[in-house]
Amino acid sequence: MSRGFTLVEILVAVAILAVALAATTRAAGIATDATLETRHRLLATWAAENRVAELRARRIYPNTGSTQYSAEQAGLALTVVEAVSDTPNPTIRRVDLAVSDAKDPGRVLARLTAYVAQ
């Protein structure tokens, strides 16, 4: 006499499989979100580094104060807040950059501090 699986055994197996698939789907979603966040932070850091490189390459000695401007990096719209302040050495200025997603300016993705000489 051959014995097969009962309906209860099959339902238990399907329930276990459903829980495992749900956990896998959630883990994949979290990994995707983390990858996107890392990409945005990397692009924001590049935008800040590009601004510092531009100041140094063009030998720009920025005026003290704060300015805000838009930038785009790899298709991501960014908002950059640039705060320039004096240092004890009158020939050097401190440049603080805060880069955020243009869609959510309150969420800063990257901060960078650099020093620019006259």
N, C-alpha and C. Protein backbone atom coordinates (compact mmCIF):
# COMPACT_ATOMS: atom_id res chain seq x y z
N MET A 1 0.84 -1.16 0.00
CA MET A 1 0.00 0.00 0.00
C MET A 1 0.90 1.24 0.00
N SER A 2 0.72 2.12 -1.00
CA SER A 2 1.52 3.34 -1.06
C SER A 2 0.83 4.43 -0.27
N ARG A 3 1.64 5.16 0.40
CA ARG A 3 1.10 6.21 1.25
C ARG A 3 1.61 7.54 0.72
N GLY A 4 0.74 8.51 0.48
CA GLY A 4 1.12 9.83 0.00
C GLY A 4 1.02 10.84 1.14
N PHE A 5 1.22 12.09 0.78
CA PHE A 5 1.12 13.15 1.78
C PHE A 5 -0.34 13.48 2.04
N THR A 6 -0.64 13.84 3.27
CA THR A 6 -2.01 14.25 3.59
C THR A 6 -2.16 15.72 3.28
N LEU A 7 -3.37 16.17 3.23
CA LEU A 7 -3.66 17.58 2.94
C LEU A 7 -3.05 18.49 4.00
N VAL A 8 -3.07 18.11 5.25
CA VAL A 8 -2.50 18.91 6.33
C VAL A 8 -0.99 19.05 6.15
N GLU A 9 -0.32 17.98 5.79
CA GLU A 9 1.13 18.04 5.58
C GLU A 9 1.47 18.98 4.42
N ILE A 10 0.70 18.92 3.37
CA ILE A 10 0.94 19.81 2.23
C ILE A 10 0.69 21.26 2.61
N LEU A 11 -0.36 21.52 3.36
CA LEU A 11 -0.65 22.90 3.79
C LEU A 11 0.44 23.45 4.70
N VAL A 12 0.97 22.62 5.58
CA VAL A 12 2.07 23.05 6.45
C VAL A 12 3.30 23.38 5.61
N ALA A 13 3.61 22.54 4.65
CA ALA A 13 4.76 22.78 3.78
C ALA A 13 4.59 24.08 2.98
N VAL A 14 3.39 24.32 2.47
CA VAL A 14 3.12 25.55 1.71
C VAL A 14 3.23 26.77 2.62
N ALA A 15 2.76 26.67 3.86
CA ALA A 15 2.85 27.79 4.80
C ALA A 15 4.31 28.11 5.12
N ILE A 16 5.13 27.08 5.34
CA ILE A 16 6.56 27.30 5.60
C ILE A 16 7.23 27.95 4.40
N LEU A 17 6.90 27.49 3.21
CA LEU A 17 7.46 28.07 1.99
C LEU A 17 7.03 29.53 1.84
N ALA A 18 5.78 29.85 2.15
CA ALA A 18 5.29 31.23 2.04
C ALA A 18 6.02 32.16 3.00
N VAL A 19 6.26 31.71 4.22
CA VAL A 19 7.00 32.52 5.20
C VAL A 19 8.43 32.75 4.72
N ALA A 20 9.06 31.71 4.21
CA ALA A 20 10.43 31.84 3.71
C ALA A 20 10.51 32.80 2.53
N LEU A 21 9.56 32.72 1.62
CA LEU A 21 9.56 33.63 0.46
C LEU A 21 9.29 35.07 0.88
N ALA A 22 8.42 35.26 1.86
CA ALA A 22 8.14 36.62 2.35
C ALA A 22 9.39 37.22 2.98
N ALA A 23 10.11 36.43 3.75
CA ALA A 23 11.34 36.92 4.38
C ALA A 23 12.40 37.26 3.33
N THR A 24 12.50 36.44 2.30
CA THR A 24 13.46 36.68 1.23
C THR A 24 13.11 37.96 0.46
N THR A 25 11.83 38.15 0.20
CA THR A 25 11.39 39.36 -0.51
C THR A 25 11.68 40.61 0.31
N ARG A 26 11.43 40.54 1.60
CA ARG A 26 11.70 41.70 2.47
C ARG A 26 13.20 42.00 2.51
N ALA A 27 14.01 40.97 2.63
CA ALA A 27 15.47 41.16 2.66
C ALA A 27 15.97 41.77 1.35
N ALA A 28 15.41 41.33 0.24
CA ALA A 28 15.81 41.90 -1.06
C ALA A 28 15.41 43.36 -1.16
N GLY A 29 14.23 43.70 -0.64
CA GLY A 29 13.78 45.09 -0.65
C GLY A 29 14.67 45.98 0.19
N ILE A 30 15.06 45.50 1.36
CA ILE A 30 15.96 46.28 2.24
C ILE A 30 17.32 46.46 1.57
N ALA A 31 17.83 45.43 0.94
CA ALA A 31 19.11 45.53 0.24
C ALA A 31 19.04 46.53 -0.90
N THR A 32 17.94 46.54 -1.62
CA THR A 32 17.76 47.49 -2.73
C THR A 32 17.71 48.92 -2.20
N ASP A 33 16.98 49.15 -1.11
CA ASP A 33 16.91 50.48 -0.51
C ASP A 33 18.29 50.94 -0.04
N ALA A 34 19.04 50.05 0.58
CA ALA A 34 20.37 50.39 1.07
C ALA A 34 21.30 50.73 -0.09
N THR A 35 21.18 50.01 -1.18
CA THR A 35 22.02 50.29 -2.35
C THR A 35 21.70 51.66 -2.94
N LEU A 36 20.43 51.99 -3.01
CA LEU A 36 20.03 53.30 -3.52
C LEU A 36 20.53 54.42 -2.61
N GLU A 37 20.43 54.24 -1.31
CA GLU A 37 20.93 55.24 -0.35
C GLU A 37 22.43 55.42 -0.49
N THR A 38 23.16 54.33 -0.63
CA THR A 38 24.61 54.41 -0.82
C THR A 38 24.95 55.14 -2.10
N ARG A 39 24.22 54.88 -3.16
CA ARG A 39 24.45 55.56 -4.45
C ARG A 39 24.23 57.06 -4.30
N HIS A 40 23.13 57.45 -3.64
CA HIS A 40 22.84 58.88 -3.46
C HIS A 40 23.92 59.56 -2.63
N ARG A 41 24.38 58.90 -1.58
CA ARG A 41 25.44 59.49 -0.74
C ARG A 41 26.76 59.61 -1.51
N LEU A 42 27.06 58.61 -2.33
CA LEU A 42 28.27 58.67 -3.14
C LEU A 42 28.20 59.82 -4.14
N LEU A 43 27.07 59.97 -4.82
CA LEU A 43 26.91 61.06 -5.79
C LEU A 43 26.98 62.42 -5.10
N ALA A 44 26.42 62.54 -3.90
CA ALA A 44 26.48 63.80 -3.16
C ALA A 44 27.92 64.12 -2.77
N THR A 45 28.67 63.11 -2.37
CA THR A 45 30.09 63.31 -2.02
C THR A 45 30.87 63.76 -3.25
N TRP A 46 30.59 63.16 -4.39
CA TRP A 46 31.27 63.57 -5.62
C TRP A 46 30.94 65.02 -5.97
N ALA A 47 29.71 65.43 -5.79
CA ALA A 47 29.32 66.82 -6.09
C ALA A 47 30.10 67.79 -5.19
N ALA A 48 30.24 67.45 -3.92
CA ALA A 48 31.00 68.31 -3.00
C ALA A 48 32.48 68.34 -3.40
N GLU A 49 33.03 67.19 -3.70
CA GLU A 49 34.44 67.13 -4.11
C GLU A 49 34.67 67.88 -5.42
N ASN A 50 33.71 67.82 -6.33
CA ASN A 50 33.82 68.57 -7.58
C ASN A 50 33.89 70.07 -7.32
N ARG A 51 33.09 70.56 -6.37
CA ARG A 51 33.09 72.00 -6.06
C ARG A 51 34.44 72.41 -5.48
N VAL A 52 34.98 71.60 -4.59
CA VAL A 52 36.30 71.92 -4.01
C VAL A 52 37.37 71.89 -5.10
N ALA A 53 37.31 70.91 -5.98
CA ALA A 53 38.28 70.83 -7.08
C ALA A 53 38.15 72.05 -7.99
N GLU A 54 36.91 72.50 -8.24
CA GLU A 54 36.70 73.69 -9.07
C GLU A 54 37.31 74.93 -8.41
N LEU A 55 37.08 75.10 -7.11
CA LEU A 55 37.65 76.26 -6.41
C LEU A 55 39.16 76.27 -6.51
N ARG A 56 39.77 75.11 -6.32
CA ARG A 56 41.23 75.03 -6.36
C ARG A 56 41.78 75.16 -7.78
N ALA A 57 41.12 74.55 -8.76
CA ALA A 57 41.62 74.60 -10.14
C ALA A 57 41.51 76.00 -10.72
N ARG A 58 40.44 76.69 -10.40
CA ARG A 58 40.26 78.06 -10.92
C ARG A 58 40.89 79.11 -10.03
N ARG A 59 41.50 78.66 -8.95
CA ARG A 59 42.14 79.56 -7.97
C ARG A 59 41.14 80.60 -7.46
N ILE A 60 39.94 80.15 -7.15
CA ILE A 60 38.89 81.02 -6.62
C ILE A 60 39.08 81.14 -5.12
N TYR A 61 39.15 82.38 -4.65
CA TYR A 61 39.21 82.65 -3.21
C TYR A 61 37.83 83.16 -2.83
N PRO A 62 36.95 82.28 -2.35
CA PRO A 62 35.54 82.65 -2.16
C PRO A 62 35.33 83.68 -1.06
N ASN A 63 34.30 84.48 -1.23
CA ASN A 63 33.92 85.44 -0.20
C ASN A 63 33.28 84.71 0.97
N THR A 64 33.43 85.26 2.16
CA THR A 64 32.80 84.64 3.32
C THR A 64 31.29 84.78 3.21
N GLY A 65 30.60 83.84 3.80
CA GLY A 65 29.14 83.85 3.76
C GLY A 65 28.61 82.50 3.33
N SER A 66 27.31 82.45 3.19
CA SER A 66 26.66 81.20 2.83
C SER A 66 25.89 81.36 1.52
N THR A 67 26.03 80.38 0.66
CA THR A 67 25.29 80.37 -0.60
C THR A 67 24.67 78.99 -0.80
N GLN A 68 23.60 78.98 -1.55
CA GLN A 68 22.92 77.72 -1.87
C GLN A 68 22.72 77.66 -3.38
N TYR A 69 23.00 76.52 -3.95
CA TYR A 69 22.82 76.36 -5.38
C TYR A 69 22.43 74.92 -5.70
N SER A 70 21.96 74.73 -6.91
CA SER A 70 21.56 73.40 -7.37
C SER A 70 22.70 72.77 -8.16
N ALA A 71 22.76 71.47 -8.08
CA ALA A 71 23.76 70.72 -8.85
C ALA A 71 23.11 69.41 -9.27
N GLU A 72 23.70 68.81 -10.28
CA GLU A 72 23.21 67.51 -10.73
C GLU A 72 24.40 66.58 -10.89
N GLN A 73 24.25 65.37 -10.40
CA GLN A 73 25.32 64.38 -10.51
C GLN A 73 24.67 63.08 -10.95
N ALA A 74 25.04 62.60 -12.12
CA ALA A 74 24.52 61.34 -12.67
C ALA A 74 23.00 61.30 -12.66
N GLY A 75 22.38 62.41 -13.00
CA GLY A 75 20.93 62.47 -13.08
C GLY A 75 20.22 62.73 -11.77
N LEU A 76 20.95 62.82 -10.67
CA LEU A 76 20.35 63.09 -9.36
C LEU A 76 20.42 64.58 -9.08
N ALA A 77 19.26 65.21 -8.87
CA ALA A 77 19.20 66.64 -8.56
C ALA A 77 19.59 66.84 -7.10
N LEU A 78 20.55 67.73 -6.86
CA LEU A 78 21.06 67.97 -5.52
C LEU A 78 20.98 69.45 -5.17
N THR A 79 20.93 69.73 -3.88
CA THR A 79 21.02 71.09 -3.37
C THR A 79 22.29 71.18 -2.53
N VAL A 80 23.12 72.18 -2.82
CA VAL A 80 24.38 72.34 -2.13
C VAL A 80 24.34 73.64 -1.34
N VAL A 81 24.65 73.56 -0.05
CA VAL A 81 24.80 74.75 0.79
C VAL A 81 26.28 74.89 1.07
N GLU A 82 26.82 76.03 0.66
CA GLU A 82 28.25 76.29 0.81
C GLU A 82 28.44 77.43 1.80
N ALA A 83 29.12 77.15 2.90
CA ALA A 83 29.39 78.16 3.93
C ALA A 83 30.89 78.41 3.97
N VAL A 84 31.28 79.65 3.71
CA VAL A 84 32.69 80.02 3.68
C VAL A 84 32.97 80.90 4.88
N SER A 85 34.03 80.57 5.60
CA SER A 85 34.39 81.36 6.78
C SER A 85 35.89 81.60 6.81
N ASP A 86 36.27 82.63 7.56
CA ASP A 86 37.69 82.96 7.72
C ASP A 86 38.36 81.97 8.66
N THR A 87 39.67 81.89 8.56
CA THR A 87 40.48 81.11 9.48
C THR A 87 41.47 82.07 10.15
N PRO A 88 42.19 81.62 11.16
CA PRO A 88 43.20 82.51 11.77
C PRO A 88 44.24 83.02 10.77
N ASN A 89 44.49 82.25 9.72
CA ASN A 89 45.41 82.68 8.67
C ASN A 89 44.59 83.44 7.63
N PRO A 90 44.88 84.73 7.41
CA PRO A 90 44.06 85.53 6.50
C PRO A 90 44.13 85.11 5.02
N THR A 91 45.06 84.24 4.69
CA THR A 91 45.16 83.80 3.29
C THR A 91 44.47 82.46 3.04
N ILE A 92 43.81 81.94 4.06
CA ILE A 92 43.12 80.65 3.92
C ILE A 92 41.67 80.79 4.36
N ARG A 93 40.76 80.22 3.59
CA ARG A 93 39.34 80.23 3.93
C ARG A 93 38.87 78.78 4.11
N ARG A 94 37.95 78.63 5.06
CA ARG A 94 37.33 77.32 5.30
C ARG A 94 36.03 77.25 4.50
N VAL A 95 35.84 76.16 3.79
CA VAL A 95 34.63 75.95 2.98
C VAL A 95 33.93 74.70 3.51
N ASP A 96 32.71 74.88 4.03
CA ASP A 96 31.89 73.77 4.50
C ASP A 96 30.77 73.54 3.49
N LEU A 97 30.68 72.33 2.99
CA LEU A 97 29.66 71.99 2.01
C LEU A 97 28.70 70.95 2.61
N ALA A 98 27.42 71.20 2.44
CA ALA A 98 26.38 70.24 2.84
C ALA A 98 25.53 69.97 1.60
N VAL A 99 25.51 68.73 1.17
CA VAL A 99 24.81 68.35 -0.06
C VAL A 99 23.60 67.49 0.31
N SER A 100 22.44 67.88 -0.20
CA SER A 100 21.21 67.13 0.09
C SER A 100 20.46 66.86 -1.21
N ASP A 101 19.54 65.93 -1.12
CA ASP A 101 18.67 65.60 -2.24
C ASP A 101 17.74 66.79 -2.47
N ALA A 102 17.61 67.23 -3.72
CA ALA A 102 16.76 68.39 -4.01
C ALA A 102 15.31 68.14 -3.64
N LYS A 103 14.88 66.87 -3.66
CA LYS A 103 13.50 66.55 -3.30
C LYS A 103 13.26 66.65 -1.80
N ASP A 104 14.32 66.51 -1.00
CA ASP A 104 14.22 66.56 0.45
C ASP A 104 15.43 67.32 1.00
N PRO A 105 15.43 68.66 0.91
CA PRO A 105 16.60 69.44 1.32
C PRO A 105 16.98 69.30 2.79
N GLY A 106 16.07 68.85 3.62
CA GLY A 106 16.38 68.69 5.03
C GLY A 106 17.23 67.47 5.34
N ARG A 107 17.33 66.56 4.39
CA ARG A 107 18.11 65.32 4.58
C ARG A 107 19.46 65.46 3.89
N VAL A 108 20.48 65.75 4.69
CA VAL A 108 21.82 65.96 4.15
C VAL A 108 22.44 64.60 3.85
N LEU A 109 22.90 64.45 2.61
CA LEU A 109 23.50 63.20 2.17
C LEU A 109 25.01 63.17 2.40
N ALA A 110 25.66 64.33 2.31
CA ALA A 110 27.11 64.38 2.47
C ALA A 110 27.53 65.74 3.00
N ARG A 111 28.56 65.73 3.83
CA ARG A 111 29.19 66.95 4.33
C ARG A 111 30.68 66.88 4.02
N LEU A 112 31.23 68.02 3.66
CA LEU A 112 32.66 68.07 3.34
C LEU A 112 33.20 69.41 3.80
N THR A 113 34.36 69.39 4.43
CA THR A 113 35.06 70.61 4.82
C THR A 113 36.38 70.65 4.09
N ALA A 114 36.68 71.80 3.49
CA ALA A 114 37.93 71.96 2.75
C ALA A 114 38.49 73.34 3.07
N TYR A 115 39.75 73.51 2.75
CA TYR A 115 40.43 74.78 2.96
C TYR A 115 40.99 75.25 1.63
N VAL A 116 40.77 76.52 1.33
CA VAL A 116 41.20 77.08 0.07
C VAL A 116 42.15 78.24 0.36
N ALA A 117 43.29 78.23 -0.31
CA ALA A 117 44.29 79.27 -0.10
C ALA A 117 44.18 80.34 -1.19
N GLN A 118 44.63 81.53 -0.83
CA GLN A 118 44.57 82.67 -1.75
C GLN A 118 45.68 82.57 -2.77
